[in-house]
PDB file of N, CA and C in Angstrom:
ATOM      1  N   MET A   1       0.922  -1.512   0.094  1.00  0.00           N
ATOM      2  CA  MET A   1      -0.537  -0.065  -0.208  1.00  0.00           C
ATOM      3  C   MET A   1       0.968   1.214   0.470  1.00  0.00           C
ATOM      4  N   HIS A   2       0.281   2.270  -0.517  1.00  0.00           N
ATOM      5  CA  HIS A   2       1.342   3.195  -0.911  1.00  0.00           C
ATOM      6  C   HIS A   2       0.924   4.263   0.580  1.00  0.00           C
ATOM      7  N   LEU A   3       0.419   3.593   1.467  1.00  0.00           N
ATOM      8  CA  LEU A   3       0.099   4.707   2.577  1.00  0.00           C
ATOM      9  C   LEU A   3       0.196   4.591   3.738  1.00  0.00           C
ATOM     10  N   GLN A   4       1.559   4.442   4.016  1.00  0.00           N
ATOM     11  CA  GLN A   4       2.007   3.231   4.883  1.00  0.00           C
ATOM     12  C   GLN A   4       1.274   3.368   6.703  1.00  0.00           C
ATOM     13  N   ASP A   5       0.913   4.500   6.601  1.00  0.00           N
ATOM     14  CA  ASP A   5       0.036   5.048   7.888  1.00  0.00           C
ATOM     15  C   ASP A   5      -1.028   4.426   7.988  1.00  0.00           C
ATOM     16  N   VAL A   6      -1.434   4.595   6.958  1.00  0.00           N
ATOM     17  CA  VAL A   6      -3.200   4.101   6.783  1.00  0.00           C
ATOM     18  C   VAL A   6      -3.208   2.705   7.252  1.00  0.00           C
ATOM     19  N   GLU A   7      -2.161   1.533   6.057  1.00  0.00           N
ATOM     20  CA  GLU A   7      -1.599   0.737   6.569  1.00  0.00           C
ATOM     21  C   GLU A   7      -1.762  -0.154   7.891  1.00  0.00           C
ATOM     22  N   ASP A   8      -0.749   0.692   8.611  1.00  0.00           N
ATOM     23  CA  ASP A   8      -0.127   0.379   9.827  1.00  0.00           C
ATOM     24  C   ASP A   8      -1.295   0.522  11.030  1.00  0.00           C
ATOM     25  N   ARG A   9      -1.694   0.945  10.687  1.00  0.00           N
ATOM     26  CA  ARG A   9      -3.165   1.467  11.788  1.00  0.00           C
ATOM     27  C   ARG A   9      -3.631   0.257  12.304  1.00  0.00           C
ATOM     28  N   GLU A  10      -3.457   0.245  13.705  1.00  0.00           N
ATOM     29  CA  GLU A  10      -4.231  -0.696  14.160  1.00  0.00           C
ATOM     30  C   GLU A  10      -5.836  -0.028  14.671  1.00  0.00           C
ATOM     31  N   SER A  11      -7.574  -0.971  14.604  1.00  0.00           N
ATOM     32  CA  SER A  11      -8.372  -0.376  14.384  1.00  0.00           C
ATOM     33  C   SER A  11      -9.291  -1.829  15.478  1.00  0.00           C
ATOM     34  N   ASP A  12     -10.065  -1.187  16.269  1.00  0.00           N
ATOM     35  CA  ASP A  12     -10.885  -2.589  16.947  1.00  0.00           C
ATOM     36  C   ASP A  12     -11.996  -2.840  16.216  1.00  0.00           C
ATOM     37  N   GLY A  13     -12.022  -2.131  14.902  1.00  0.00           N
ATOM     38  CA  GLY A  13     -13.406  -2.243  14.314  1.00  0.00           C
ATOM     39  C   GLY A  13     -13.898  -3.191  13.342  1.00  0.00           C
ATOM     40  N   HIS A  14     -14.961  -3.151  12.850  1.00  0.00           N
ATOM     41  CA  HIS A  14     -15.311  -4.518  12.005  1.00  0.00           C
ATOM     42  C   HIS A  14     -14.322  -4.748  10.818  1.00  0.00           C
ATOM     43  N   TYR A  15     -13.631  -3.691  10.368  1.00  0.00           N
ATOM     44  CA  TYR A  15     -12.630  -4.218   8.781  1.00  0.00           C
ATOM     45  C   TYR A  15     -11.643  -4.638   9.987  1.00  0.00           C
ATOM     46  N   GLY A  16     -10.852  -3.607  11.165  1.00  0.00           N
ATOM     47  CA  GLY A  16      -9.666  -4.192  11.694  1.00  0.00           C
ATOM     48  C   GLY A  16      -9.319  -5.482  12.093  1.00  0.00           C
ATOM     49  N   ARG A  17     -10.617  -5.848  12.959  1.00  0.00           N
ATOM     50  CA  ARG A  17     -11.307  -6.898  13.238  1.00  0.00           C
ATOM     51  C   ARG A  17     -10.637  -8.277  11.570  1.00  0.00           C
ATOM     52  N   LEU A  18     -11.396  -7.936  10.237  1.00  0.00           N
ATOM     53  CA  LEU A  18     -11.109  -8.448   9.354  1.00  0.00           C
ATOM     54  C   LEU A  18      -9.556  -8.439   9.057  1.00  0.00           C
ATOM     55  N   ILE A  19      -8.942  -7.830   8.906  1.00  0.00           N
ATOM     56  CA  ILE A  19      -7.315  -7.637   8.803  1.00  0.00           C
ATOM     57  C   ILE A  19      -6.638  -8.355   9.774  1.00  0.00           C
ATOM     58  N   ARG A  20      -7.095  -8.328  10.586  1.00  0.00           N
ATOM     59  CA  ARG A  20      -6.354  -9.464  11.515  1.00  0.00           C
ATOM     60  C   ARG A  20      -6.473 -10.689  11.510  1.00  0.00           C
ATOM     61  N   MET A  21      -7.601 -11.072  11.138  1.00  0.00           N
ATOM     62  CA  MET A  21      -8.416 -12.339  11.071  1.00  0.00           C
ATOM     63  C   MET A  21      -7.396 -12.941   9.484  1.00  0.00           C
ATOM     64  N   ALA A  22      -7.455 -12.354   8.565  1.00  0.00           N
ATOM     65  CA  ALA A  22      -6.739 -12.520   7.316  1.00  0.00           C
ATOM     66  C   ALA A  22      -5.657 -12.709   7.356  1.00  0.00           C
ATOM     67  N   ARG A  23      -4.715 -11.736   8.487  1.00  0.00           N
ATOM     68  CA  ARG A  23      -3.563 -12.128   8.978  1.00  0.00           C
ATOM     69  C   ARG A  23      -3.398 -13.377   9.408  1.00  0.00           C
ATOM     70  N   GLU A  24      -3.885 -13.207  10.226  1.00  0.00           N
ATOM     71  CA  GLU A  24      -3.641 -14.380  11.504  1.00  0.00           C
ATOM     72  C   GLU A  24      -3.927 -16.179  10.390  1.00  0.00           C
ATOM     73  N   VAL A  25      -4.978 -15.953   9.093  1.00  0.00           N
ATOM     74  CA  VAL A  25      -4.498 -17.341   8.194  1.00  0.00           C
ATOM     75  C   VAL A  25      -3.690 -17.517   7.519  1.00  0.00           C
ATOM     76  N   GLY A  26      -3.125 -16.875   7.314  1.00  0.00           N
ATOM     77  CA  GLY A  26      -1.932 -16.203   5.733  1.00  0.00           C
ATOM     78  C   GLY A  26      -2.491 -15.642   4.472  1.00  0.00           C
ATOM     79  N   SER A  27      -3.772 -15.283   4.526  1.00  0.00           N
ATOM     80  CA  SER A  27      -4.830 -14.629   3.429  1.00  0.00           C
ATOM     81  C   SER A  27      -4.720 -13.611   3.098  1.00  0.00           C
ATOM     82  N   PRO A  28      -4.734 -13.091   1.776  1.00  0.00           N
ATOM     83  CA  PRO A  28      -4.006 -11.706   1.492  1.00  0.00           C
ATOM     84  C   PRO A  28      -4.871 -10.878   2.090  1.00  0.00           C
ATOM     85  N   VAL A  29      -4.994  -9.435   2.608  1.00  0.00           N
ATOM     86  CA  VAL A  29      -5.791  -8.587   2.889  1.00  0.00           C
ATOM     87  C   VAL A  29      -6.165  -7.503   1.484  1.00  0.00           C
ATOM     88  N   PRO A  30      -7.402  -7.486   1.448  1.00  0.00           N
ATOM     89  CA  PRO A  30      -7.601  -6.317   0.666  1.00  0.00           C
ATOM     90  C   PRO A  30      -7.505  -4.755   0.924  1.00  0.00           C
ATOM     91  N   GLN A  31      -6.815  -4.717  -0.198  1.00  0.00           N
ATOM     92  CA  GLN A  31      -5.967  -3.475   0.665  1.00  0.00           C
ATOM     93  C   GLN A  31      -7.044  -2.183   0.886  1.00  0.00           C
ATOM     94  N   ILE A  32      -8.377  -2.338   0.183  1.00  0.00           N
ATOM     95  CA  ILE A  32      -9.838  -1.104   0.517  1.00  0.00           C
ATOM     96  C   ILE A  32      -9.686  -1.657   1.857  1.00  0.00           C
ATOM     97  N   TRP A  33      -9.771  -2.615   3.079  1.00  0.00           N
ATOM     98  CA  TRP A  33     -10.112  -2.919   4.363  1.00  0.00           C
ATOM     99  C   TRP A  33      -9.208  -1.816   4.751  1.00  0.00           C
ATOM    100  N   HIS A  34      -7.914  -1.445   4.569  1.00  0.00           N
ATOM    101  CA  HIS A  34      -7.120  -0.588   5.166  1.00  0.00           C
ATOM    102  C   HIS A  34      -7.411   0.635   5.411  1.00  0.00           C
ATOM    103  N   LEU A  35      -8.154   1.181   4.230  1.00  0.00           N
ATOM    104  CA  LEU A  35      -9.128   2.648   4.530  1.00  0.00           C
ATOM    105  C   LEU A  35     -10.181   2.356   4.788  1.00  0.00           C
ATOM    106  N   PHE A  36     -10.898   1.295   4.926  1.00  0.00           N
ATOM    107  CA  PHE A  36     -12.493   1.018   5.859  1.00  0.00           C
ATOM    108  C   PHE A  36     -11.934   1.630   7.281  1.00  0.00           C
ATOM    109  N   ALA A  37     -10.920   0.639   7.671  1.00  0.00           N
ATOM    110  CA  ALA A  37     -10.525   0.409   9.156  1.00  0.00           C
ATOM    111  C   ALA A  37     -10.135   1.411   9.437  1.00  0.00           C
ATOM    112  N   TYR A  38      -9.373   2.665   8.624  1.00  0.00           N
ATOM    113  CA  TYR A  38      -8.392   3.809   9.406  1.00  0.00           C
ATOM    114  C   TYR A  38      -9.640   4.712   9.647  1.00  0.00           C
ATOM    115  N   LYS A  39     -10.767   5.049   8.272  1.00  0.00           N
ATOM    116  CA  LYS A  39     -12.052   5.767   8.487  1.00  0.00           C
ATOM    117  C   LYS A  39     -13.032   5.163   8.893  1.00  0.00           C
ATOM    118  N   PRO A  40     -13.374   4.735   9.721  1.00  0.00           N
ATOM    119  CA  PRO A  40     -14.793   3.767   9.873  1.00  0.00           C
ATOM    120  C   PRO A  40     -15.847   4.309   9.701  1.00  0.00           C
ATOM    121  N   ARG A  41     -16.606   5.761   9.445  1.00  0.00           N
ATOM    122  CA  ARG A  41     -17.699   5.945   9.347  1.00  0.00           C
ATOM    123  C   ARG A  41     -17.315   6.514   7.489  1.00  0.00           C
ATOM    124  N   LEU A  42     -16.483   6.862   6.948  1.00  0.00           N
ATOM    125  CA  LEU A  42     -16.315   6.649   5.632  1.00  0.00           C
ATOM    126  C   LEU A  42     -16.333   5.082   4.625  1.00  0.00           C
ATOM    127  N   GLY A  43     -16.006   4.141   5.562  1.00  0.00           N
ATOM    128  CA  GLY A  43     -15.866   3.049   4.935  1.00  0.00           C
ATOM    129  C   GLY A  43     -17.022   2.342   4.943  1.00  0.00           C
ATOM    130  N   GLU A  44     -18.159   2.684   6.015  1.00  0.00           N
ATOM    131  CA  GLU A  44     -19.219   2.051   5.741  1.00  0.00           C
ATOM    132  C   GLU A  44     -20.060   3.056   5.279  1.00  0.00           C
ATOM    133  N   ALA A  45     -19.857   3.852   4.956  1.00  0.00           N
ATOM    134  CA  ALA A  45     -20.433   5.309   3.730  1.00  0.00           C
ATOM    135  C   ALA A  45     -20.291   4.281   2.315  1.00  0.00           C
ATOM    136  N   LEU A  46     -18.741   3.809   2.271  1.00  0.00           N
ATOM    137  CA  LEU A  46     -18.199   3.549   1.226  1.00  0.00           C
ATOM    138  C   LEU A  46     -19.016   2.538   1.197  1.00  0.00           C
ATOM    139  N   SER A  47     -18.965   1.142   1.599  1.00  0.00           N
ATOM    140  CA  SER A  47     -19.541  -0.357   2.159  1.00  0.00           C
ATOM    141  C   SER A  47     -20.892  -0.258   1.519  1.00  0.00           C
ATOM    142  N   ARG A  48     -21.753   0.876   2.021  1.00  0.00           N
ATOM    143  CA  ARG A  48     -23.228   0.834   1.353  1.00  0.00           C
ATOM    144  C   ARG A  48     -23.315   1.310  -0.113  1.00  0.00           C
ATOM    145  N   PHE A  49     -22.420   1.920  -0.336  1.00  0.00           N
ATOM    146  CA  PHE A  49     -22.018   2.645  -2.010  1.00  0.00           C
ATOM    147  C   PHE A  49     -21.790   1.849  -2.758  1.00  0.00           C
ATOM    148  N   THR A  50     -21.264   0.982  -2.818  1.00  0.00           N
ATOM    149  CA  THR A  50     -20.764  -0.299  -3.175  1.00  0.00           C
ATOM    150  C   THR A  50     -21.721  -1.291  -3.085  1.00  0.00           C
ATOM    151  N   HIS A  51     -22.454  -1.475  -2.252  1.00  0.00           N
ATOM    152  CA  HIS A  51     -23.288  -2.679  -2.125  1.00  0.00           C
ATOM    153  C   HIS A  51     -24.360  -2.284  -3.038  1.00  0.00           C
ATOM    154  N   GLU A  52     -24.616  -1.346  -3.065  1.00  0.00           N
ATOM    155  CA  GLU A  52     -25.723  -0.639  -3.789  1.00  0.00           C
ATOM    156  C   GLU A  52     -25.303  -0.774  -5.354  1.00  0.00           C
ATOM    157  N   VAL A  53     -24.301  -0.100  -6.019  1.00  0.00           N
ATOM    158  CA  VAL A  53     -23.587  -0.306  -6.970  1.00  0.00           C
ATOM    159  C   VAL A  53     -23.377  -1.688  -7.611  1.00  0.00           C
ATOM    160  N   MET A  54     -22.857  -3.025  -6.854  1.00  0.00           N
ATOM    161  CA  MET A  54     -23.271  -4.040  -7.433  1.00  0.00           C
ATOM    162  C   MET A  54     -24.008  -4.769  -7.438  1.00  0.00           C
ATOM    163  N   ARG A  55     -25.425  -4.628  -6.124  1.00  0.00           N
ATOM    164  CA  ARG A  55     -25.921  -5.676  -5.764  1.00  0.00           C
ATOM    165  C   ARG A  55     -27.295  -4.908  -5.882  1.00  0.00           C
ATOM    166  N   GLY A  56     -27.648  -3.848  -6.278  1.00  0.00           N
ATOM    167  CA  GLY A  56     -28.805  -2.720  -6.098  1.00  0.00           C
ATOM    168  C   GLY A  56     -29.538  -3.330  -7.361  1.00  0.00           C
ATOM    169  N   PRO A  57     -30.795  -2.936  -7.403  1.00  0.00           N
ATOM    170  CA  PRO A  57     -31.290  -2.776  -8.559  1.00  0.00           C
ATOM    171  C   PRO A  57     -30.788  -2.081 -10.119  1.00  0.00           C
ATOM    172  N   SER A  58     -30.512  -2.979 -10.882  1.00  0.00           N
ATOM    173  CA  SER A  58     -30.244  -2.843 -12.160  1.00  0.00           C
ATOM    174  C   SER A  58     -30.548  -3.602 -13.347  1.00  0.00           C
ATOM    175  N   PRO A  59     -30.612  -3.089 -14.670  1.00  0.00           N
ATOM    176  CA  PRO A  59     -30.609  -3.719 -15.510  1.00  0.00           C
ATOM    177  C   PRO A  59     -29.742  -5.087 -15.639  1.00  0.00           C
ATOM    178  N   LEU A  60     -28.588  -4.729 -15.154  1.00  0.00           N
ATOM    179  CA  LEU A  60     -27.442  -5.708 -15.194  1.00  0.00           C
ATOM    180  C   LEU A  60     -27.312  -6.668 -14.161  1.00  0.00           C
ATOM    181  N   SER A  61     -26.989  -8.088 -14.707  1.00  0.00           N
ATOM    182  CA  SER A  61     -27.065  -8.532 -12.891  1.00  0.00           C
ATOM    183  C   SER A  61     -25.815  -8.334 -12.704  1.00  0.00           C
ATOM    184  N   PRO A  62     -25.793  -8.718 -10.813  1.00  0.00           N
ATOM    185  CA  PRO A  62     -24.842  -8.816 -10.132  1.00  0.00           C
ATOM    186  C   PRO A  62     -23.589  -9.662 -11.114  1.00  0.00           C
ATOM    187  N   GLY A  63     -23.389 -10.752 -11.633  1.00  0.00           N
ATOM    188  CA  GLY A  63     -22.773 -11.244 -12.352  1.00  0.00           C
ATOM    189  C   GLY A  63     -21.661 -10.263 -13.666  1.00  0.00           C
ATOM    190  N   LEU A  64     -22.694  -9.789 -13.554  1.00  0.00           N
ATOM    191  CA  LEU A  64     -21.909  -8.909 -15.000  1.00  0.00           C
ATOM    192  C   LEU A  64     -21.355  -7.882 -14.612  1.00  0.00           C
ATOM    193  N   ARG A  65     -21.552  -7.128 -13.478  1.00  0.00           N
ATOM    194  CA  ARG A  65     -20.858  -6.091 -13.023  1.00  0.00           C
ATOM    195  C   ARG A  65     -20.033  -6.609 -12.318  1.00  0.00           C
ATOM    196  N   GLU A  66     -19.915  -7.468 -11.717  1.00  0.00           N
ATOM    197  CA  GLU A  66     -19.104  -8.212 -11.192  1.00  0.00           C
ATOM    198  C   GLU A  66     -17.928  -8.602 -12.257  1.00  0.00           C
ATOM    199  N   LEU A  67     -17.962  -8.572 -13.574  1.00  0.00           N
ATOM    200  CA  LEU A  67     -17.093  -9.311 -14.338  1.00  0.00           C
ATOM    201  C   LEU A  67     -16.391  -7.814 -15.052  1.00  0.00           C
ATOM    202  N   ILE A  68     -17.360  -6.865 -15.108  1.00  0.00           N
ATOM    203  CA  ILE A  68     -16.864  -5.233 -15.558  1.00  0.00           C
ATOM    204  C   ILE A  68     -16.209  -5.015 -14.426  1.00  0.00           C
ATOM    205  N   ALA A  69     -16.037  -5.194 -13.058  1.00  0.00           N
ATOM    206  CA  ALA A  69     -15.506  -4.344 -12.230  1.00  0.00           C
ATOM    207  C   ALA A  69     -14.171  -5.415 -12.343  1.00  0.00           C
ATOM    208  N   ALA A  70     -14.482  -6.272 -12.386  1.00  0.00           N
ATOM    209  CA  ALA A  70     -12.828  -7.551 -12.670  1.00  0.00           C
ATOM    210  C   ALA A  70     -12.179  -6.687 -14.092  1.00  0.00           C
ATOM    211  N   TYR A  71     -12.866  -6.709 -14.969  1.00  0.00           N
ATOM    212  CA  TYR A  71     -12.097  -6.436 -16.517  1.00  0.00           C
ATOM    213  C   TYR A  71     -11.843  -5.060 -16.222  1.00  0.00           C
ATOM    214  N   THR A  72     -11.944  -4.141 -15.367  1.00  0.00           N
ATOM    215  CA  THR A  72     -11.776  -2.978 -15.115  1.00  0.00           C
ATOM    216  C   THR A  72     -10.583  -2.751 -13.975  1.00  0.00           C
ATOM    217  N   SER A  73     -10.462  -3.451 -13.285  1.00  0.00           N
ATOM    218  CA  SER A  73      -9.395  -3.253 -12.069  1.00  0.00           C
ATOM    219  C   SER A  73      -8.344  -3.991 -13.386  1.00  0.00           C
ATOM    220  N   ARG A  74      -8.162  -5.299 -13.692  1.00  0.00           N
ATOM    221  CA  ARG A  74      -7.290  -6.168 -14.609  1.00  0.00           C
ATOM    222  C   ARG A  74      -6.392  -4.806 -15.664  1.00  0.00           C
ATOM    223  N   GLY A  75      -7.548  -4.259 -16.149  1.00  0.00           N
ATOM    224  CA  GLY A  75      -7.281  -3.101 -16.778  1.00  0.00           C
ATOM    225  C   GLY A  75      -6.274  -1.753 -16.597  1.00  0.00           C
ATOM    226  N   ASN A  76      -5.865  -1.645 -14.882  1.00  0.00           N
ATOM    227  CA  ASN A  76      -5.426  -1.053 -14.175  1.00  0.00           C
ATOM    228  C   ASN A  76      -4.509  -1.839 -13.534  1.00  0.00           C
ATOM    229  N   GLN A  77      -4.245  -2.441 -13.675  1.00  0.00           N
ATOM    230  CA  GLN A  77      -3.521  -3.488 -13.031  1.00  0.00           C
ATOM    231  C   GLN A  77      -3.462  -3.254 -11.352  1.00  0.00           C
ATOM    232  N   CYS A  78      -4.515  -3.532 -11.070  1.00  0.00           N
ATOM    233  CA  CYS A  78      -4.979  -3.411 -10.177  1.00  0.00           C
ATOM    234  C   CYS A  78      -5.966  -4.982  -9.550  1.00  0.00           C
ATOM    235  N   LEU A  79      -5.772  -5.500  -8.328  1.00  0.00           N
ATOM    236  CA  LEU A  79      -6.296  -6.871  -7.931  1.00  0.00           C
ATOM    237  C   LEU A  79      -7.172  -6.496  -7.357  1.00  0.00           C
ATOM    238  N   PHE A  80      -8.621  -7.456  -8.086  1.00  0.00           N
ATOM    239  CA  PHE A  80     -10.020  -7.325  -7.427  1.00  0.00           C
ATOM    240  C   PHE A  80     -10.468  -8.170  -6.459  1.00  0.00           C
TER     241      PHE A  80
END
């Protein structure tokens, strides 16, 4: 991650716990979780927004939206 202070900050919130659990079992940690843990109110709002975009009512199926997100991430050389 490019923001070491964000990645290193300990959090007792939901995403802080997820980060610790992922690290304990040796799983990769999605980088967005660090932002969610650093700024919990922002993280909650962004999480609700993302859920609505990916799962809310739409003429596109959730699967197609996931495919578009994965394709875009790959084009940006970003793990999805």
